[in-house]
Amino acid sequence: MPEATSAHAAALWVGLHLLLLLTLSVLVVRQRQAHRVALGDGGVPSLTHAVRAFGNATEYVPAGLAALTLMAVLDVQPLVVHISGLALFLGRVVHAVGLSRSGAATLPRAAGMVLTWVAYVFIGVALLVYAIA
């Protein structure tokens, strides 16, 4: 078996994030079908939460995936890519769970956002260090 590379690491995390986005999308569709809402949220709180969980993920995940892909292109150490991908993924999952359950400020939502921001800072610093070194 060949040694894992940064491209392998990035592929793992990009794949998992895409599956997360698909899952969140399916949850929106299920809510729409259950409440017979074709467009918008129909004023249904559970649908509003599902739409926002998906929407928020689509606001944060693409930039993270672009950064992970760039890390792979630059051949950043696989461990750095894994740490970055894991932090972003956990942040997005925890945030989505919190937002899906409540529109209020909750610990999972806050923890998910903080973890997402930590991932962004870690990835940003790693890319800057790579660019300058």
Protein backbone atom coordinates (compact mmCIF):
# COMPACT_ATOMS: atom_id res chain seq x y z
CA MET A 1 0.00 0.00 0.00
CA PRO A 2 1.49 3.38 -0.98
CA GLU A 3 2.19 6.01 1.66
CA ALA A 4 -0.68 8.44 2.26
CA THR A 5 -0.08 11.86 0.78
CA SER A 6 -1.58 15.27 1.40
CA ALA A 7 -3.76 14.62 -1.66
CA HIS A 8 -5.13 11.46 -0.03
CA ALA A 9 -5.82 13.41 3.16
CA ALA A 10 -7.57 16.22 1.28
CA ALA A 11 -9.61 13.70 -0.71
CA LEU A 12 -10.85 12.13 2.53
CA TRP A 13 -12.00 15.44 4.00
CA VAL A 14 -13.45 16.81 0.78
CA GLY A 15 -15.42 13.58 0.37
CA LEU A 16 -16.72 13.69 3.93
CA HIS A 17 -17.74 17.34 3.62
CA LEU A 18 -19.59 16.63 0.38
CA LEU A 19 -21.48 13.82 2.10
CA LEU A 20 -22.28 16.18 4.97
CA LEU A 21 -23.70 18.75 2.54
CA LEU A 22 -25.74 16.03 0.83
CA THR A 23 -27.08 14.83 4.18
CA LEU A 24 -28.10 18.35 5.19
CA SER A 25 -29.78 18.80 1.81
CA VAL A 26 -31.73 15.56 2.21
CA LEU A 27 -32.90 16.75 5.64
CA VAL A 28 -34.27 19.92 4.03
CA VAL A 29 -36.07 17.91 1.35
CA ARG A 30 -37.60 15.61 3.97
CA GLN A 31 -38.89 18.59 5.94
CA ARG A 32 -40.30 20.17 2.79
CA GLN A 33 -42.12 16.94 1.90
CA ALA A 34 -43.41 16.40 5.43
CA HIS A 35 -44.83 19.92 5.62
CA ARG A 36 -45.75 20.23 1.92
CA VAL A 37 -43.64 23.34 1.42
CA ALA A 38 -42.25 23.78 -2.09
CA LEU A 39 -40.34 27.03 -1.58
CA GLY A 40 -38.99 28.84 1.46
CA ASP A 41 -39.73 27.58 4.95
CA GLY A 42 -43.50 28.01 5.07
CA GLY A 43 -43.16 29.39 8.59
CA VAL A 44 -42.39 25.88 9.85
CA PRO A 45 -39.68 26.13 12.55
CA SER A 46 -38.18 22.69 11.90
CA LEU A 47 -37.90 23.48 8.19
CA THR A 48 -36.38 26.88 8.95
CA HIS A 49 -33.75 25.17 11.11
CA ALA A 50 -32.98 22.58 8.43
CA VAL A 51 -32.69 25.25 5.73
CA ARG A 52 -30.35 27.34 7.88
CA ALA A 53 -28.22 24.33 8.87
CA PHE A 54 -27.72 23.55 5.18
CA GLY A 55 -27.29 27.20 4.24
CA ASN A 56 -24.75 27.86 6.94
CA ALA A 57 -22.73 24.83 5.88
CA THR A 58 -22.77 26.03 2.28
CA GLU A 59 -21.45 29.39 3.49
CA TYR A 60 -18.43 27.92 5.30
CA VAL A 61 -17.57 24.58 3.69
CA PRO A 62 -16.59 25.70 0.14
CA ALA A 63 -13.78 28.01 1.28
CA GLY A 64 -12.54 25.30 3.62
CA LEU A 65 -12.53 22.73 0.83
CA ALA A 66 -10.70 25.12 -1.48
CA ALA A 67 -8.08 25.62 1.22
CA LEU A 68 -7.73 21.87 1.83
CA THR A 69 -7.33 21.33 -1.90
CA LEU A 70 -4.67 24.04 -2.08
CA MET A 71 -2.86 22.38 0.82
CA ALA A 72 -2.82 19.15 -1.19
CA VAL A 73 -1.54 20.93 -4.31
CA LEU A 74 1.22 22.50 -2.21
CA ASP A 75 1.98 19.07 -0.68
CA VAL A 76 1.56 20.30 2.89
CA GLN A 77 2.21 17.50 5.37
CA PRO A 78 -0.72 15.06 5.47
CA LEU A 79 -1.07 15.45 9.25
CA VAL A 80 -1.67 19.19 8.84
CA VAL A 81 -4.33 18.48 6.20
CA HIS A 82 -5.97 15.90 8.48
CA ILE A 83 -6.02 18.24 11.49
CA SER A 84 -7.50 20.99 9.31
CA GLY A 85 -10.11 18.74 7.72
CA LEU A 86 -11.11 17.16 11.02
CA ALA A 87 -11.51 20.50 12.80
CA LEU A 88 -13.60 21.93 9.98
CA PHE A 89 -15.73 18.79 9.69
CA LEU A 90 -16.40 18.53 13.42
CA GLY A 91 -17.20 22.22 13.57
CA ARG A 92 -19.70 21.94 10.76
CA VAL A 93 -21.35 18.79 12.12
CA VAL A 94 -21.69 20.14 15.66
CA HIS A 95 -23.03 23.46 14.37
CA ALA A 96 -25.53 21.74 12.06
CA VAL A 97 -26.79 19.52 14.88
CA GLY A 98 -27.23 22.52 17.16
CA LEU A 99 -28.94 24.63 14.52
CA SER A 100 -31.18 21.77 13.38
CA ARG A 101 -32.55 21.41 16.89
CA SER A 102 -33.04 25.05 17.82
CA GLY A 103 -32.89 28.54 16.38
CA ALA A 104 -31.69 29.85 19.73
CA ALA A 105 -28.07 30.39 20.70
CA THR A 106 -27.02 26.96 21.97
CA LEU A 107 -23.78 25.38 23.11
CA PRO A 108 -23.51 23.13 20.00
CA ARG A 109 -24.01 26.09 17.67
CA ALA A 110 -21.42 28.16 19.50
CA ALA A 111 -18.96 25.27 19.76
CA GLY A 112 -19.40 24.48 16.09
CA MET A 113 -18.73 28.05 15.04
CA VAL A 114 -15.68 28.34 17.29
CA LEU A 115 -14.28 25.08 15.94
CA THR A 116 -14.94 26.24 12.38
CA TRP A 117 -13.14 29.52 13.06
CA VAL A 118 -10.25 27.66 14.70
CA ALA A 119 -10.00 25.51 11.57
CA TYR A 120 -10.02 28.63 9.37
CA VAL A 121 -7.27 30.26 11.46
CA PHE A 122 -5.20 27.07 11.51
CA ILE A 123 -5.54 26.59 7.75
CA GLY A 124 -4.88 30.26 7.04
CA VAL A 125 -1.74 30.32 9.17
CA ALA A 126 -0.52 27.03 7.68
CA LEU A 127 -0.93 28.41 4.15
CA LEU A 128 0.79 31.67 5.06
CA VAL A 129 3.69 29.83 6.68
CA TYR A 130 4.00 27.65 3.60
CA ALA A 131 3.90 30.70 1.31
CA ILE A 132 6.54 32.59 3.27
CA ALA A 133 8.89 29.68 4.09
